[in-house]
Amino acid sequence: MTSMTDMMVPWLHFTGGDNLLFATWHPSSKGAIAGACVGLALLALFERWVNAMRGAAEAYWGRRALALMSDNKPEPSCHSPSASAEAKGSGSVEELKISELPSQDSTTRQRRARRTLPPFILSHDVPRGALYAFQALLTYALMLAVMTFQAAFIISIIVGSGIGEVLFGRVGGAKSHLLH
């Protein structure tokens, strides 16, 4: 039978004794709670840094995928504007009228419009998955700390996340958080 002191308090509180992530880690003294708060703030700040590095890596991988896709483009055909300018033999840049440009049939336009995703590139997609999984691990560890209802832990996580966002948020790009 468990006593009332062994049970988790299901409301916001500042008292100690809650298990924090592990059964053996239950800060109960004021110093232990303060140390746990510093650790949680640093963990939240680290999560924001991982998010920023993930955003920077996504941007880099996106640029590399575009470069790879543009390297695989076919040579200009005789119907392209540059080929028609070369055929005129002037050697200078000329203005082309819209009416002189070859018309594209609907199947060509549809074929080009279908490609909305970059290709699967193992050296990009495996690290992307690993970074996402690691960030999810950090996020869920912070969530478990919040679920203790220990108000000092929650405040520390919010402060650490805020400082991390101030320091690293501009690097992460549009994807500012793991769970949208």
N, C-alpha and C. Protein backbone atom coordinates (compact mmCIF):
# COMPACT_ATOMS: atom_id res chain seq x y z
N MET A 1 0.85 -1.17 0.00
CA MET A 1 0.00 0.00 0.00
C MET A 1 0.90 1.24 0.00
N THR A 2 0.58 2.21 -0.82
CA THR A 2 1.36 3.44 -0.89
C THR A 2 0.75 4.50 -0.01
N SER A 3 1.62 5.27 0.61
CA SER A 3 1.13 6.36 1.45
C SER A 3 0.89 7.59 0.58
N MET A 4 0.26 8.59 1.14
CA MET A 4 -0.05 9.81 0.42
C MET A 4 1.22 10.56 0.02
N THR A 5 2.29 10.41 0.77
CA THR A 5 3.53 11.09 0.44
C THR A 5 4.24 10.45 -0.74
N ASP A 6 3.95 9.16 -1.02
CA ASP A 6 4.57 8.47 -2.15
C ASP A 6 3.84 8.74 -3.46
N MET A 7 2.67 9.27 -3.40
CA MET A 7 1.89 9.51 -4.62
C MET A 7 2.25 10.86 -5.22
N MET A 8 2.12 10.94 -6.53
CA MET A 8 2.38 12.18 -7.24
C MET A 8 1.23 13.15 -7.00
N VAL A 9 1.57 14.41 -6.77
CA VAL A 9 0.55 15.44 -6.53
C VAL A 9 0.01 15.88 -7.89
N PRO A 10 -1.31 15.74 -8.14
CA PRO A 10 -1.85 16.03 -9.46
C PRO A 10 -2.29 17.49 -9.67
N TRP A 11 -1.57 18.44 -9.10
CA TRP A 11 -1.83 19.85 -9.33
C TRP A 11 -0.51 20.59 -9.24
N LEU A 12 -0.50 21.83 -9.74
CA LEU A 12 0.74 22.61 -9.70
C LEU A 12 1.19 22.81 -8.26
N HIS A 13 2.48 22.59 -8.02
CA HIS A 13 3.02 22.71 -6.68
C HIS A 13 4.52 23.01 -6.77
N PHE A 14 5.08 23.44 -5.67
CA PHE A 14 6.51 23.70 -5.57
C PHE A 14 7.19 22.74 -4.60
N THR A 15 6.51 21.73 -4.14
CA THR A 15 7.09 20.79 -3.19
C THR A 15 7.95 19.77 -3.92
N GLY A 16 8.87 19.17 -3.24
CA GLY A 16 9.79 18.20 -3.83
C GLY A 16 9.30 16.78 -3.68
N GLY A 17 10.12 15.86 -4.15
CA GLY A 17 9.83 14.45 -3.99
C GLY A 17 9.26 13.77 -5.22
N ASP A 18 8.98 14.50 -6.29
CA ASP A 18 8.44 13.88 -7.51
C ASP A 18 9.57 13.17 -8.26
N ASN A 19 9.24 12.04 -8.86
CA ASN A 19 10.21 11.37 -9.72
C ASN A 19 10.39 12.19 -10.98
N LEU A 20 11.64 12.39 -11.36
CA LEU A 20 11.94 13.17 -12.55
C LEU A 20 12.66 12.27 -13.55
N LEU A 21 11.93 11.80 -14.54
CA LEU A 21 12.41 10.97 -15.64
C LEU A 21 12.83 9.56 -15.25
N PHE A 22 13.38 9.36 -14.07
CA PHE A 22 13.83 8.04 -13.63
C PHE A 22 13.31 7.78 -12.21
N ALA A 23 13.13 6.52 -11.86
CA ALA A 23 12.63 6.15 -10.53
C ALA A 23 13.60 6.57 -9.43
N THR A 24 14.88 6.60 -9.76
CA THR A 24 15.89 6.94 -8.74
C THR A 24 16.17 8.43 -8.65
N TRP A 25 15.59 9.21 -9.53
CA TRP A 25 15.84 10.65 -9.52
C TRP A 25 14.59 11.36 -9.05
N HIS A 26 14.55 11.68 -7.78
CA HIS A 26 13.42 12.42 -7.22
C HIS A 26 13.94 13.50 -6.28
N PRO A 27 14.25 14.67 -6.85
CA PRO A 27 14.77 15.76 -6.04
C PRO A 27 13.75 16.20 -4.99
N SER A 28 14.21 16.25 -3.75
CA SER A 28 13.29 16.63 -2.68
C SER A 28 13.77 17.86 -1.91
N SER A 29 15.08 18.06 -1.81
CA SER A 29 15.56 19.26 -1.11
C SER A 29 15.52 20.46 -2.05
N LYS A 30 15.58 21.65 -1.48
CA LYS A 30 15.55 22.87 -2.31
C LYS A 30 16.73 22.93 -3.25
N GLY A 31 17.91 22.50 -2.79
CA GLY A 31 19.08 22.49 -3.65
C GLY A 31 18.96 21.50 -4.80
N ALA A 32 18.38 20.33 -4.50
CA ALA A 32 18.21 19.32 -5.54
C ALA A 32 17.18 19.79 -6.58
N ILE A 33 16.12 20.45 -6.11
CA ILE A 33 15.12 20.99 -7.03
C ILE A 33 15.73 22.09 -7.89
N ALA A 34 16.55 22.95 -7.29
CA ALA A 34 17.21 24.02 -8.05
C ALA A 34 18.16 23.42 -9.09
N GLY A 35 18.89 22.38 -8.72
CA GLY A 35 19.78 21.73 -9.69
C GLY A 35 19.00 21.08 -10.83
N ALA A 36 17.88 20.45 -10.49
CA ALA A 36 17.03 19.85 -11.53
C ALA A 36 16.47 20.93 -12.45
N CYS A 37 16.12 22.08 -11.88
CA CYS A 37 15.60 23.19 -12.69
C CYS A 37 16.66 23.70 -13.67
N VAL A 38 17.90 23.83 -13.20
CA VAL A 38 18.98 24.27 -14.09
C VAL A 38 19.18 23.23 -15.20
N GLY A 39 19.19 21.96 -14.83
CA GLY A 39 19.34 20.90 -15.83
C GLY A 39 18.21 20.89 -16.85
N LEU A 40 16.99 21.09 -16.40
CA LEU A 40 15.85 21.10 -17.32
C LEU A 40 15.89 22.33 -18.24
N ALA A 41 16.32 23.47 -17.69
CA ALA A 41 16.44 24.67 -18.53
C ALA A 41 17.50 24.46 -19.60
N LEU A 42 18.62 23.84 -19.23
CA LEU A 42 19.67 23.55 -20.21
C LEU A 42 19.20 22.52 -21.24
N LEU A 43 18.42 21.53 -20.81
CA LEU A 43 17.87 20.54 -21.74
C LEU A 43 16.91 21.20 -22.73
N ALA A 44 16.09 22.12 -22.25
CA ALA A 44 15.17 22.84 -23.14
C ALA A 44 15.94 23.72 -24.12
N LEU A 45 16.98 24.37 -23.64
CA LEU A 45 17.83 25.19 -24.51
C LEU A 45 18.52 24.30 -25.56
N PHE A 46 19.00 23.15 -25.15
CA PHE A 46 19.63 22.21 -26.06
C PHE A 46 18.64 21.72 -27.12
N GLU A 47 17.39 21.49 -26.73
CA GLU A 47 16.37 21.06 -27.70
C GLU A 47 16.17 22.12 -28.76
N ARG A 48 16.18 23.40 -28.38
CA ARG A 48 16.04 24.49 -29.36
C ARG A 48 17.26 24.55 -30.28
N TRP A 49 18.45 24.25 -29.75
CA TRP A 49 19.66 24.22 -30.58
C TRP A 49 19.58 23.08 -31.59
N VAL A 50 19.14 21.90 -31.15
CA VAL A 50 18.98 20.77 -32.05
C VAL A 50 17.98 21.13 -33.15
N ASN A 51 16.89 21.81 -32.78
CA ASN A 51 15.91 22.24 -33.78
C ASN A 51 16.55 23.18 -34.81
N ALA A 52 17.37 24.09 -34.35
CA ALA A 52 18.04 25.03 -35.26
C ALA A 52 18.99 24.30 -36.18
N MET A 53 19.75 23.37 -35.64
CA MET A 53 20.68 22.61 -36.48
C MET A 53 19.92 21.74 -37.49
N ARG A 54 18.78 21.23 -37.06
CA ARG A 54 17.94 20.45 -37.98
C ARG A 54 17.42 21.34 -39.11
N GLY A 55 17.00 22.56 -38.78
CA GLY A 55 16.54 23.49 -39.81
C GLY A 55 17.64 23.88 -40.77
N ALA A 56 18.85 24.11 -40.24
CA ALA A 56 19.98 24.45 -41.10
C ALA A 56 20.34 23.27 -42.00
N ALA A 57 20.30 22.06 -41.46
CA ALA A 57 20.59 20.87 -42.25
C ALA A 57 19.53 20.68 -43.33
N GLU A 58 18.25 20.90 -43.00
CA GLU A 58 17.17 20.80 -43.99
C GLU A 58 17.39 21.76 -45.14
N ALA A 59 17.80 22.99 -44.83
CA ALA A 59 18.05 23.98 -45.88
C ALA A 59 19.22 23.53 -46.76
N TYR A 60 20.27 23.03 -46.14
CA TYR A 60 21.43 22.55 -46.89
C TYR A 60 21.05 21.38 -47.79
N TRP A 61 20.32 20.41 -47.21
CA TRP A 61 19.92 19.25 -47.99
C TRP A 61 18.98 19.66 -49.13
N GLY A 62 18.13 20.64 -48.89
CA GLY A 62 17.24 21.12 -49.94
C GLY A 62 18.01 21.74 -51.10
N ARG A 63 19.03 22.54 -50.76
CA ARG A 63 19.87 23.13 -51.82
C ARG A 63 20.62 22.06 -52.60
N ARG A 64 21.14 21.07 -51.89
CA ARG A 64 21.86 19.98 -52.57
C ARG A 64 20.94 19.17 -53.45
N ALA A 65 19.71 18.91 -52.99
CA ALA A 65 18.75 18.15 -53.80
C ALA A 65 18.38 18.94 -55.05
N LEU A 66 18.20 20.25 -54.93
CA LEU A 66 17.90 21.08 -56.10
C LEU A 66 19.08 21.05 -57.08
N ALA A 67 20.29 21.12 -56.54
CA ALA A 67 21.46 21.08 -57.41
C ALA A 67 21.54 19.73 -58.13
N LEU A 68 21.26 18.66 -57.42
CA LEU A 68 21.28 17.34 -58.06
C LEU A 68 20.20 17.22 -59.11
N MET A 69 19.02 17.77 -58.82
CA MET A 69 17.92 17.71 -59.79
C MET A 69 18.24 18.56 -61.01
N SER A 70 18.87 19.71 -60.82
CA SER A 70 19.18 20.57 -61.96
C SER A 70 20.34 20.00 -62.78
N ASP A 71 21.22 19.21 -62.15
CA ASP A 71 22.30 18.56 -62.90
C ASP A 71 21.77 17.48 -63.82
N ASN A 72 20.61 16.92 -63.48
CA ASN A 72 20.03 15.83 -64.27
C ASN A 72 19.09 16.33 -65.36
N LYS A 73 19.02 17.64 -65.59
CA LYS A 73 18.15 18.16 -66.64
C LYS A 73 18.70 17.77 -68.00
N PRO A 74 17.82 17.51 -68.96
CA PRO A 74 18.30 17.18 -70.30
C PRO A 74 18.89 18.39 -70.99
N GLU A 75 19.71 18.11 -72.00
CA GLU A 75 20.30 19.19 -72.80
C GLU A 75 19.21 19.97 -73.49
N PRO A 76 19.44 21.28 -73.76
CA PRO A 76 18.42 22.06 -74.43
C PRO A 76 18.10 21.47 -75.80
N SER A 77 16.82 21.40 -76.08
CA SER A 77 16.39 20.86 -77.37
C SER A 77 16.37 21.96 -78.41
N CYS A 78 16.06 21.58 -79.64
CA CYS A 78 16.02 22.57 -80.70
C CYS A 78 14.84 23.51 -80.55
N HIS A 79 13.93 23.20 -79.61
CA HIS A 79 12.76 24.05 -79.40
C HIS A 79 12.95 25.05 -78.27
N SER A 80 14.09 25.00 -77.59
CA SER A 80 14.27 25.91 -76.46
C SER A 80 14.68 27.29 -76.97
N PRO A 81 14.39 28.36 -76.21
CA PRO A 81 14.73 29.71 -76.65
C PRO A 81 16.22 29.90 -76.88
N SER A 82 17.08 29.27 -76.06
CA SER A 82 18.52 29.46 -76.25
C SER A 82 18.98 28.80 -77.53
N ALA A 83 18.39 27.66 -77.89
CA ALA A 83 18.76 26.98 -79.12
C ALA A 83 18.31 27.78 -80.33
N SER A 84 17.14 28.43 -80.22
CA SER A 84 16.67 29.21 -81.36
C SER A 84 17.51 30.48 -81.53
N ALA A 85 18.01 31.04 -80.43
CA ALA A 85 18.88 32.22 -80.54
C ALA A 85 20.21 31.83 -81.16
N GLU A 86 20.73 30.63 -80.79
CA GLU A 86 21.97 30.18 -81.39
C GLU A 86 21.79 29.86 -82.87
N ALA A 87 20.61 29.40 -83.23
CA ALA A 87 20.35 29.05 -84.63
C ALA A 87 20.35 30.30 -85.50
N LYS A 88 20.00 31.43 -84.94
CA LYS A 88 20.00 32.66 -85.71
C LYS A 88 21.41 33.13 -86.00
N GLY A 89 22.40 32.62 -85.22
CA GLY A 89 23.79 32.89 -85.51
C GLY A 89 24.26 34.28 -85.17
N SER A 90 23.52 35.04 -84.40
CA SER A 90 23.95 36.41 -84.12
C SER A 90 25.02 36.45 -83.05
N GLY A 91 25.02 35.49 -82.12
CA GLY A 91 26.00 35.50 -81.05
C GLY A 91 25.69 36.51 -79.96
N SER A 92 24.67 37.33 -80.14
CA SER A 92 24.30 38.30 -79.11
C SER A 92 22.96 37.90 -78.52
N VAL A 93 22.67 38.45 -77.38
CA VAL A 93 21.40 38.18 -76.72
C VAL A 93 20.31 38.94 -77.45
N GLU A 94 19.26 38.23 -77.83
CA GLU A 94 18.16 38.86 -78.54
C GLU A 94 16.90 38.74 -77.71
N GLU A 95 15.98 39.63 -77.95
CA GLU A 95 14.68 39.53 -77.31
C GLU A 95 13.83 38.55 -78.08
N LEU A 96 13.16 37.72 -77.35
CA LEU A 96 12.25 36.78 -77.98
C LEU A 96 10.83 37.19 -77.65
N LYS A 97 9.98 37.16 -78.65
CA LYS A 97 8.58 37.46 -78.42
C LYS A 97 7.90 36.21 -77.91
N ILE A 98 6.86 36.41 -77.12
CA ILE A 98 6.12 35.28 -76.57
C ILE A 98 5.60 34.40 -77.69
N SER A 99 5.18 35.01 -78.79
CA SER A 99 4.63 34.22 -79.90
C SER A 99 5.69 33.34 -80.55
N GLU A 100 6.97 33.70 -80.43
CA GLU A 100 8.04 32.89 -81.01
C GLU A 100 8.41 31.70 -80.15
N LEU A 101 8.05 31.75 -78.85
CA LEU A 101 8.39 30.65 -77.96
C LEU A 101 7.55 29.43 -78.31
N PRO A 102 8.15 28.27 -78.22
CA PRO A 102 7.37 27.07 -78.53
C PRO A 102 6.29 26.86 -77.48
N SER A 103 5.16 26.40 -77.92
CA SER A 103 4.07 26.14 -76.97
C SER A 103 4.27 24.76 -76.38
N GLN A 104 3.90 24.64 -75.11
CA GLN A 104 4.02 23.35 -74.44
C GLN A 104 2.64 22.72 -74.40
N ASP A 105 2.59 21.46 -74.73
CA ASP A 105 1.30 20.81 -74.63
C ASP A 105 0.99 20.53 -73.16
N SER A 106 -0.23 20.17 -72.89
CA SER A 106 -0.66 20.02 -71.50
C SER A 106 0.05 18.87 -70.80
N THR A 107 0.45 17.82 -71.53
CA THR A 107 1.12 16.71 -70.86
C THR A 107 2.50 17.11 -70.36
N THR A 108 3.21 17.97 -71.09
CA THR A 108 4.51 18.45 -70.64
C THR A 108 4.35 19.29 -69.39
N ARG A 109 3.35 20.16 -69.37
CA ARG A 109 3.11 20.99 -68.18
C ARG A 109 2.74 20.13 -66.99
N GLN A 110 1.91 19.11 -67.21
CA GLN A 110 1.50 18.24 -66.11
C GLN A 110 2.69 17.46 -65.57
N ARG A 111 3.57 16.99 -66.47
CA ARG A 111 4.73 16.23 -66.04
C ARG A 111 5.62 17.09 -65.16
N ARG A 112 5.81 18.35 -65.51
CA ARG A 112 6.65 19.24 -64.71
C ARG A 112 5.97 19.61 -63.41
N ALA A 113 4.66 19.73 -63.40
CA ALA A 113 3.95 20.15 -62.20
C ALA A 113 3.87 19.04 -61.17
N ARG A 114 4.00 17.79 -61.58
CA ARG A 114 3.89 16.68 -60.63
C ARG A 114 5.04 16.61 -59.65
N ARG A 115 6.22 17.05 -60.02
CA ARG A 115 7.41 16.93 -59.18
C ARG A 115 7.39 18.01 -58.10
N THR A 116 6.85 17.67 -56.93
CA THR A 116 6.77 18.64 -55.83
C THR A 116 7.71 18.28 -54.69
N LEU A 117 8.17 17.06 -54.64
CA LEU A 117 9.05 16.62 -53.56
C LEU A 117 10.45 16.37 -54.10
N PRO A 118 11.46 16.69 -53.30
CA PRO A 118 12.81 16.33 -53.74
C PRO A 118 12.97 14.82 -53.75
N PRO A 119 13.92 14.32 -54.48
CA PRO A 119 14.11 12.86 -54.55
C PRO A 119 14.61 12.30 -53.23
N PHE A 120 14.41 11.01 -53.03
CA PHE A 120 14.94 10.33 -51.85
C PHE A 120 16.45 10.20 -52.01
N ILE A 121 17.18 10.78 -51.09
CA ILE A 121 18.63 10.70 -51.09
C ILE A 121 19.04 10.14 -49.73
N LEU A 122 19.58 8.95 -49.74
CA LEU A 122 19.88 8.22 -48.51
C LEU A 122 20.74 9.04 -47.55
N SER A 123 21.75 9.73 -48.08
CA SER A 123 22.66 10.49 -47.22
C SER A 123 22.00 11.73 -46.62
N HIS A 124 20.82 12.12 -47.11
CA HIS A 124 20.07 13.23 -46.53
C HIS A 124 18.95 12.72 -45.62
N ASP A 125 18.24 11.70 -46.09
CA ASP A 125 17.03 11.29 -45.40
C ASP A 125 17.27 10.47 -44.14
N VAL A 126 18.35 9.69 -44.09
CA VAL A 126 18.65 8.95 -42.87
C VAL A 126 19.06 9.91 -41.74
N PRO A 127 19.99 10.86 -41.97
CA PRO A 127 20.29 11.81 -40.90
C PRO A 127 19.08 12.68 -40.52
N ARG A 128 18.22 13.01 -41.51
CA ARG A 128 17.01 13.78 -41.20
C ARG A 128 16.13 13.00 -40.21
N GLY A 129 15.96 11.72 -40.47
CA GLY A 129 15.16 10.88 -39.57
C GLY A 129 15.79 10.75 -38.20
N ALA A 130 17.11 10.60 -38.16
CA ALA A 130 17.82 10.47 -36.88
C ALA A 130 17.71 11.76 -36.06
N LEU A 131 17.87 12.91 -36.73
CA LEU A 131 17.74 14.19 -36.02
C LEU A 131 16.33 14.39 -35.49
N TYR A 132 15.34 14.02 -36.29
CA TYR A 132 13.95 14.15 -35.85
C TYR A 132 13.69 13.25 -34.64
N ALA A 133 14.18 12.02 -34.69
CA ALA A 133 13.98 11.09 -33.58
C ALA A 133 14.66 11.60 -32.31
N PHE A 134 15.88 12.14 -32.45
CA PHE A 134 16.59 12.66 -31.29
C PHE A 134 15.86 13.88 -30.71
N GLN A 135 15.36 14.75 -31.59
CA GLN A 135 14.61 15.90 -31.10
C GLN A 135 13.31 15.46 -30.44
N ALA A 136 12.67 14.43 -30.96
CA ALA A 136 11.46 13.90 -30.33
C ALA A 136 11.77 13.34 -28.94
N LEU A 137 12.91 12.66 -28.80
CA LEU A 137 13.33 12.15 -27.50
C LEU A 137 13.47 13.29 -26.49
N LEU A 138 14.14 14.36 -26.91
CA LEU A 138 14.30 15.52 -26.01
C LEU A 138 12.96 16.15 -25.66
N THR A 139 12.11 16.29 -26.65
CA THR A 139 10.80 16.92 -26.43
C THR A 139 9.95 16.10 -25.47
N TYR A 140 9.95 14.78 -25.64
CA TYR A 140 9.16 13.94 -24.76
C TYR A 140 9.74 13.86 -23.35
N ALA A 141 11.06 13.95 -23.23
CA ALA A 141 11.66 14.01 -21.89
C ALA A 141 11.22 15.28 -21.17
N LEU A 142 11.19 16.40 -21.91
CA LEU A 142 10.70 17.65 -21.31
C LEU A 142 9.22 17.55 -20.96
N MET A 143 8.45 16.89 -21.81
CA MET A 143 7.03 16.72 -21.53
C MET A 143 6.82 15.90 -20.26
N LEU A 144 7.62 14.86 -20.07
CA LEU A 144 7.49 14.05 -18.86
C LEU A 144 7.82 14.87 -17.62
N ALA A 145 8.78 15.76 -17.72
CA ALA A 145 9.10 16.64 -16.58
C ALA A 145 7.93 17.57 -16.29
N VAL A 146 7.28 18.07 -17.32
CA VAL A 146 6.11 18.94 -17.12
C VAL A 146 4.98 18.16 -16.45
N MET A 147 4.86 16.88 -16.78
CA MET A 147 3.77 16.06 -16.24
C MET A 147 3.92 15.77 -14.75
N THR A 148 5.04 16.17 -14.14
CA THR A 148 5.16 16.02 -12.69
C THR A 148 4.33 17.08 -11.96
N PHE A 149 3.88 18.10 -12.66
CA PHE A 149 3.13 19.24 -12.10
C PHE A 149 3.98 20.07 -11.14
N GLN A 150 5.29 19.87 -11.13
CA GLN A 150 6.18 20.66 -10.30
C GLN A 150 6.37 22.01 -11.01
N ALA A 151 5.84 23.07 -10.44
CA ALA A 151 5.81 24.37 -11.09
C ALA A 151 7.22 24.91 -11.40
N ALA A 152 8.17 24.64 -10.53
CA ALA A 152 9.54 25.11 -10.78
C ALA A 152 10.13 24.44 -12.01
N PHE A 153 9.83 23.16 -12.22
CA PHE A 153 10.30 22.46 -13.41
C PHE A 153 9.69 23.09 -14.67
N ILE A 154 8.40 23.34 -14.61
CA ILE A 154 7.68 23.91 -15.77
C ILE A 154 8.23 25.30 -16.10
N ILE A 155 8.43 26.11 -15.10
CA ILE A 155 8.97 27.46 -15.32
C ILE A 155 10.37 27.37 -15.92
N SER A 156 11.19 26.47 -15.40
CA SER A 156 12.55 26.30 -15.92
C SER A 156 12.54 25.88 -17.39
N ILE A 157 11.66 24.97 -17.75
CA ILE A 157 11.57 24.51 -19.14
C ILE A 157 11.12 25.65 -20.05
N ILE A 158 10.16 26.43 -19.60
CA ILE A 158 9.69 27.57 -20.40
C ILE A 158 10.79 28.60 -20.57
N VAL A 159 11.50 28.90 -19.49
CA VAL A 159 12.60 29.88 -19.57
C VAL A 159 13.71 29.35 -20.48
N GLY A 160 14.09 28.08 -20.33
CA GLY A 160 15.12 27.50 -21.19
C GLY A 160 14.71 27.48 -22.65
N SER A 161 13.45 27.15 -22.92
CA SER A 161 12.96 27.17 -24.30
C SER A 161 12.96 28.58 -24.88
N GLY A 162 12.57 29.54 -24.07
CA GLY A 162 12.56 30.94 -24.52
C GLY A 162 13.96 31.45 -24.83
N ILE A 163 14.90 31.17 -23.93
CA ILE A 163 16.29 31.59 -24.17
C ILE A 163 16.85 30.88 -25.40
N GLY A 164 16.56 29.60 -25.53
CA GLY A 164 17.02 28.86 -26.70
C GLY A 164 16.43 29.40 -28.00
N GLU A 165 15.18 29.80 -27.96
CA GLU A 165 14.55 30.37 -29.16
C GLU A 165 15.16 31.73 -29.50
N VAL A 166 15.46 32.53 -28.48
CA VAL A 166 16.12 33.82 -28.72
C VAL A 166 17.49 33.60 -29.37
N LEU A 167 18.24 32.62 -28.84
CA LEU A 167 19.59 32.38 -29.35
C LEU A 167 19.60 31.68 -30.71
N PHE A 168 18.71 30.71 -30.91
CA PHE A 168 18.81 29.84 -32.09
C PHE A 168 17.60 29.88 -33.01
N GLY A 169 16.55 30.58 -32.66
CA GLY A 169 15.31 30.54 -33.43
C GLY A 169 15.45 31.03 -34.85
N ARG A 170 16.30 32.01 -35.07
CA ARG A 170 16.45 32.54 -36.43
C ARG A 170 17.17 31.57 -37.35
N VAL A 171 17.90 30.61 -36.78
CA VAL A 171 18.63 29.64 -37.58
C VAL A 171 17.71 28.52 -38.05
N GLY A 172 16.73 28.18 -37.24
CA GLY A 172 15.86 27.05 -37.52
C GLY A 172 14.93 27.22 -38.69
N GLY A 173 14.71 28.44 -39.14
CA GLY A 173 13.83 28.66 -40.28
C GLY A 173 12.37 28.56 -39.90
N ALA A 174 11.56 28.21 -40.88
CA ALA A 174 10.11 28.19 -40.69
C ALA A 174 9.65 27.08 -39.75
N LYS A 175 10.37 25.98 -39.69
CA LYS A 175 10.00 24.89 -38.80
C LYS A 175 10.50 25.21 -37.40
N SER A 176 9.70 25.91 -36.65
CA SER A 176 10.19 26.39 -35.36
C SER A 176 9.98 25.37 -34.25
N HIS A 177 9.18 24.36 -34.47
CA HIS A 177 8.98 23.38 -33.40
C HIS A 177 8.71 22.01 -33.98
N LEU A 178 9.01 21.01 -33.21
CA LEU A 178 8.88 19.62 -33.66
C LEU A 178 7.43 19.26 -33.93
N LEU A 179 6.54 19.55 -33.02
CA LEU A 179 5.17 19.08 -33.11
C LEU A 179 4.24 20.22 -33.53
N HIS A 180 4.06 20.38 -34.82
CA HIS A 180 3.13 21.42 -35.30
C HIS A 180 1.74 20.88 -35.32
